[in-house]
N, C-alpha and C. Protein backbone atom coordinates (compact mmCIF):
# COMPACT_ATOMS: atom_id res chain seq x y z
N MET A 1 0.85 -1.17 0.00
CA MET A 1 0.00 0.00 0.00
C MET A 1 0.89 1.23 0.00
N GLY A 2 0.68 2.11 -0.98
CA GLY A 2 1.49 3.31 -1.11
C GLY A 2 1.00 4.42 -0.18
N LEU A 3 1.80 5.45 -0.08
CA LEU A 3 1.44 6.57 0.78
C LEU A 3 0.15 7.26 0.33
N SER A 4 -0.07 7.31 -0.97
CA SER A 4 -1.26 7.99 -1.46
C SER A 4 -2.53 7.19 -1.17
N GLU A 5 -2.39 5.89 -0.96
CA GLU A 5 -3.55 5.05 -0.70
C GLU A 5 -3.86 4.94 0.78
N ARG A 6 -2.89 5.17 1.61
CA ARG A 6 -3.07 5.00 3.05
C ARG A 6 -3.76 6.22 3.66
N LYS A 7 -4.78 5.97 4.40
CA LYS A 7 -5.50 7.06 5.07
C LYS A 7 -5.28 6.92 6.56
N GLU A 8 -4.91 8.01 7.16
CA GLU A 8 -4.71 7.99 8.60
C GLU A 8 -5.99 8.40 9.30
N VAL A 9 -6.26 7.74 10.35
CA VAL A 9 -7.42 8.09 11.16
C VAL A 9 -6.91 8.97 12.28
N VAL A 10 -7.42 10.17 12.32
CA VAL A 10 -6.99 11.12 13.34
C VAL A 10 -8.17 11.34 14.28
N ALA A 11 -7.93 11.10 15.53
CA ALA A 11 -8.99 11.32 16.52
C ALA A 11 -9.22 12.82 16.67
N PRO A 12 -10.46 13.22 16.80
CA PRO A 12 -10.71 14.65 16.99
C PRO A 12 -10.09 15.14 18.29
N ARG A 13 -9.55 16.33 18.22
CA ARG A 13 -8.91 16.90 19.41
C ARG A 13 -9.98 17.48 20.31
N THR A 14 -9.85 17.20 21.55
CA THR A 14 -10.78 17.77 22.52
C THR A 14 -10.02 18.82 23.32
N ALA A 15 -10.68 19.90 23.52
CA ALA A 15 -10.06 20.99 24.26
C ALA A 15 -10.05 20.66 25.75
N SER A 16 -8.95 20.93 26.37
CA SER A 16 -8.87 20.70 27.81
C SER A 16 -9.61 21.81 28.53
N SER A 17 -9.89 21.58 29.77
CA SER A 17 -10.60 22.60 30.55
C SER A 17 -9.74 23.86 30.68
N GLU A 18 -8.43 23.68 30.71
CA GLU A 18 -7.54 24.84 30.78
C GLU A 18 -7.64 25.69 29.51
N GLN A 19 -7.70 25.02 28.37
CA GLN A 19 -7.84 25.75 27.11
C GLN A 19 -9.18 26.48 27.05
N LEU A 20 -10.22 25.82 27.53
CA LEU A 20 -11.55 26.45 27.55
C LEU A 20 -11.56 27.67 28.46
N GLU A 21 -10.91 27.55 29.60
CA GLU A 21 -10.82 28.68 30.53
C GLU A 21 -10.06 29.85 29.91
N GLN A 22 -8.97 29.54 29.23
CA GLN A 22 -8.19 30.60 28.58
C GLN A 22 -9.00 31.28 27.49
N GLU A 23 -9.74 30.49 26.73
CA GLU A 23 -10.59 31.06 25.68
C GLU A 23 -11.67 31.96 26.27
N GLU A 24 -12.27 31.52 27.36
CA GLU A 24 -13.30 32.32 28.02
C GLU A 24 -12.69 33.61 28.58
N GLU A 25 -11.50 33.51 29.13
CA GLU A 25 -10.80 34.69 29.64
C GLU A 25 -10.53 35.69 28.52
N ARG A 26 -10.08 35.21 27.36
CA ARG A 26 -9.84 36.09 26.21
C ARG A 26 -11.13 36.74 25.74
N ARG A 27 -12.21 35.97 25.74
CA ARG A 27 -13.51 36.51 25.33
C ARG A 27 -13.97 37.63 26.27
N LYS A 28 -13.81 37.38 27.56
CA LYS A 28 -14.21 38.40 28.54
C LYS A 28 -13.34 39.65 28.44
N LEU A 29 -12.04 39.46 28.21
CA LEU A 29 -11.15 40.61 28.05
C LEU A 29 -11.54 41.44 26.83
N ARG A 30 -11.84 40.77 25.75
CA ARG A 30 -12.24 41.48 24.53
C ARG A 30 -13.54 42.23 24.76
N ARG A 31 -14.48 41.59 25.44
CA ARG A 31 -15.76 42.24 25.77
C ARG A 31 -15.52 43.48 26.63
N LEU A 32 -14.63 43.38 27.59
CA LEU A 32 -14.30 44.52 28.45
C LEU A 32 -13.68 45.65 27.63
N GLN A 33 -12.75 45.31 26.74
CA GLN A 33 -12.12 46.34 25.90
C GLN A 33 -13.15 47.06 25.03
N ILE A 34 -14.04 46.30 24.43
CA ILE A 34 -15.08 46.91 23.59
C ILE A 34 -15.97 47.81 24.42
N MET A 35 -16.38 47.32 25.59
CA MET A 35 -17.25 48.12 26.46
C MET A 35 -16.56 49.43 26.87
N MET A 36 -15.30 49.35 27.27
CA MET A 36 -14.60 50.55 27.71
C MET A 36 -14.39 51.52 26.54
N ASN A 37 -14.10 51.00 25.36
CA ASN A 37 -13.98 51.87 24.19
C ASN A 37 -15.29 52.59 23.89
N MET A 38 -16.40 51.87 24.03
CA MET A 38 -17.70 52.49 23.78
C MET A 38 -18.01 53.57 24.81
N VAL A 39 -17.75 53.27 26.07
CA VAL A 39 -18.00 54.25 27.13
C VAL A 39 -17.15 55.50 26.90
N MET A 40 -15.89 55.30 26.56
CA MET A 40 -15.01 56.44 26.33
C MET A 40 -15.43 57.23 25.10
N SER A 41 -15.93 56.56 24.09
CA SER A 41 -16.41 57.25 22.89
C SER A 41 -17.63 58.10 23.21
N VAL A 42 -18.55 57.55 23.98
CA VAL A 42 -19.75 58.31 24.35
C VAL A 42 -19.36 59.51 25.18
N ILE A 43 -18.51 59.31 26.17
CA ILE A 43 -18.10 60.44 27.02
C ILE A 43 -17.39 61.51 26.19
N GLY A 44 -16.56 61.09 25.28
CA GLY A 44 -15.79 62.04 24.49
C GLY A 44 -16.55 62.72 23.37
N GLN A 45 -17.64 62.09 22.88
CA GLN A 45 -18.26 62.59 21.67
C GLN A 45 -19.71 63.03 21.79
N ASP A 46 -20.42 62.62 22.82
CA ASP A 46 -21.83 62.99 22.92
C ASP A 46 -21.96 64.44 23.38
N PRO A 47 -22.44 65.34 22.50
CA PRO A 47 -22.49 66.76 22.86
C PRO A 47 -23.51 67.08 23.95
N GLY A 48 -24.51 66.26 24.13
CA GLY A 48 -25.53 66.55 25.13
C GLY A 48 -25.29 65.89 26.47
N LEU A 49 -24.18 65.21 26.62
CA LEU A 49 -23.88 64.47 27.85
C LEU A 49 -23.46 65.44 28.95
N THR A 50 -24.07 65.30 30.11
CA THR A 50 -23.67 66.14 31.26
C THR A 50 -22.55 65.44 32.02
N VAL A 51 -21.89 66.18 32.88
CA VAL A 51 -20.81 65.61 33.68
C VAL A 51 -21.36 64.54 34.61
N GLU A 52 -22.56 64.71 35.11
CA GLU A 52 -23.18 63.72 35.98
C GLU A 52 -23.46 62.42 35.22
N GLU A 53 -23.97 62.54 34.01
CA GLU A 53 -24.24 61.37 33.20
C GLU A 53 -22.94 60.64 32.84
N ALA A 54 -21.91 61.41 32.54
CA ALA A 54 -20.61 60.81 32.22
C ALA A 54 -20.04 60.07 33.43
N ALA A 55 -20.18 60.67 34.61
CA ALA A 55 -19.70 60.01 35.83
C ALA A 55 -20.49 58.73 36.09
N GLU A 56 -21.78 58.76 35.80
CA GLU A 56 -22.60 57.57 35.98
C GLU A 56 -22.19 56.47 34.99
N LEU A 57 -21.90 56.86 33.75
CA LEU A 57 -21.40 55.89 32.76
C LEU A 57 -20.11 55.25 33.24
N ALA A 58 -19.20 56.05 33.75
CA ALA A 58 -17.91 55.54 34.23
C ALA A 58 -18.12 54.60 35.42
N ALA A 59 -19.01 54.96 36.33
CA ALA A 59 -19.28 54.10 37.49
C ALA A 59 -19.92 52.78 37.06
N ASN A 60 -20.84 52.85 36.12
CA ASN A 60 -21.47 51.62 35.63
C ASN A 60 -20.48 50.74 34.89
N ALA A 61 -19.56 51.36 34.16
CA ALA A 61 -18.53 50.59 33.46
C ALA A 61 -17.63 49.86 34.47
N LYS A 62 -17.30 50.53 35.55
CA LYS A 62 -16.48 49.89 36.58
C LYS A 62 -17.23 48.72 37.21
N ARG A 63 -18.51 48.92 37.51
CA ARG A 63 -19.30 47.83 38.08
C ARG A 63 -19.35 46.63 37.13
N ALA A 64 -19.56 46.89 35.85
CA ALA A 64 -19.61 45.82 34.86
C ALA A 64 -18.27 45.11 34.75
N ALA A 65 -17.18 45.88 34.76
CA ALA A 65 -15.84 45.29 34.67
C ALA A 65 -15.56 44.40 35.87
N LEU A 66 -15.95 44.86 37.06
CA LEU A 66 -15.70 44.07 38.26
C LEU A 66 -16.63 42.87 38.35
N ALA A 67 -17.79 42.94 37.69
CA ALA A 67 -18.66 41.77 37.63
C ALA A 67 -18.02 40.69 36.76
N MET A 68 -17.34 41.11 35.70
CA MET A 68 -16.64 40.15 34.83
C MET A 68 -15.37 39.63 35.47
N PHE A 69 -14.66 40.52 36.17
CA PHE A 69 -13.37 40.18 36.80
C PHE A 69 -13.39 40.65 38.25
N PRO A 70 -14.04 39.90 39.13
CA PRO A 70 -14.24 40.36 40.52
C PRO A 70 -12.96 40.67 41.29
N ASP A 71 -11.89 39.98 41.02
CA ASP A 71 -10.66 40.15 41.80
C ASP A 71 -9.66 41.09 41.15
N LYS A 72 -10.09 41.89 40.18
CA LYS A 72 -9.16 42.72 39.42
C LYS A 72 -9.41 44.22 39.58
N GLU A 73 -9.88 44.64 40.73
CA GLU A 73 -10.14 46.06 40.94
C GLU A 73 -8.87 46.89 40.83
N PHE A 74 -7.78 46.39 41.35
CA PHE A 74 -6.52 47.12 41.26
C PHE A 74 -6.12 47.32 39.80
N ALA A 75 -6.25 46.27 39.00
CA ALA A 75 -5.92 46.38 37.57
C ALA A 75 -6.82 47.42 36.89
N TYR A 76 -8.10 47.41 37.22
CA TYR A 76 -9.02 48.40 36.66
C TYR A 76 -8.56 49.81 37.05
N ASP A 77 -8.21 49.97 38.32
CA ASP A 77 -7.82 51.29 38.83
C ASP A 77 -6.55 51.83 38.18
N ILE A 78 -5.65 50.96 37.76
CA ILE A 78 -4.43 51.47 37.13
C ILE A 78 -4.54 51.54 35.60
N LEU A 79 -5.47 50.78 35.02
CA LEU A 79 -5.61 50.79 33.56
C LEU A 79 -6.68 51.76 33.06
N TYR A 80 -7.87 51.64 33.59
CA TYR A 80 -8.99 52.38 33.02
C TYR A 80 -9.36 53.65 33.79
N LYS A 81 -9.22 53.64 35.09
CA LYS A 81 -9.60 54.81 35.88
C LYS A 81 -8.85 56.08 35.44
N PRO A 82 -7.52 56.03 35.26
CA PRO A 82 -6.82 57.24 34.81
C PRO A 82 -7.28 57.72 33.43
N ARG A 83 -7.57 56.78 32.54
CA ARG A 83 -8.04 57.16 31.20
C ARG A 83 -9.38 57.88 31.29
N LEU A 84 -10.28 57.32 32.09
CA LEU A 84 -11.60 57.95 32.24
C LEU A 84 -11.48 59.32 32.92
N GLN A 85 -10.63 59.40 33.94
CA GLN A 85 -10.45 60.69 34.62
C GLN A 85 -9.87 61.73 33.67
N ARG A 86 -8.89 61.35 32.89
CA ARG A 86 -8.28 62.28 31.93
C ARG A 86 -9.30 62.72 30.88
N LEU A 87 -10.08 61.79 30.37
CA LEU A 87 -11.11 62.10 29.39
C LEU A 87 -12.16 63.04 29.97
N MET A 88 -12.60 62.76 31.19
CA MET A 88 -13.60 63.63 31.84
C MET A 88 -13.02 65.03 32.06
N ALA A 89 -11.77 65.11 32.47
CA ALA A 89 -11.14 66.42 32.70
C ALA A 89 -11.05 67.20 31.41
N GLU A 90 -10.67 66.55 30.33
CA GLU A 90 -10.57 67.23 29.04
C GLU A 90 -11.93 67.63 28.51
N ARG A 91 -12.86 66.73 28.61
CA ARG A 91 -14.19 66.96 28.03
C ARG A 91 -14.96 68.04 28.77
N PHE A 92 -14.88 68.03 30.09
CA PHE A 92 -15.69 68.94 30.91
C PHE A 92 -14.85 70.03 31.57
N HIS A 93 -13.59 70.16 31.18
CA HIS A 93 -12.68 71.19 31.70
C HIS A 93 -12.63 71.17 33.22
N LEU A 94 -12.40 69.96 33.76
CA LEU A 94 -12.31 69.79 35.20
C LEU A 94 -10.86 69.84 35.64
N GLN A 95 -10.63 70.11 36.90
CA GLN A 95 -9.29 70.09 37.47
C GLN A 95 -9.09 68.83 38.24
């Protein structure tokens, strides 16, 4: 039997629980990035948005982020909080 005639049977690969967890983690991270980009776009671009509404958007975004990643408040505070504060200061001329 030649190589062209021989067919190999390959068992389907099953994803390990670790791989599934990593995939879910990547999905949640991407969802968080999209959410934060949307919040920042609304704060930066909506002409009718008040400072109170913007602050509420930022607070809700933090709550949603911590619901996805409960043990990552410190990471949120060093990654997203300064960006939101800077955007709010620029947009609403805050000190």
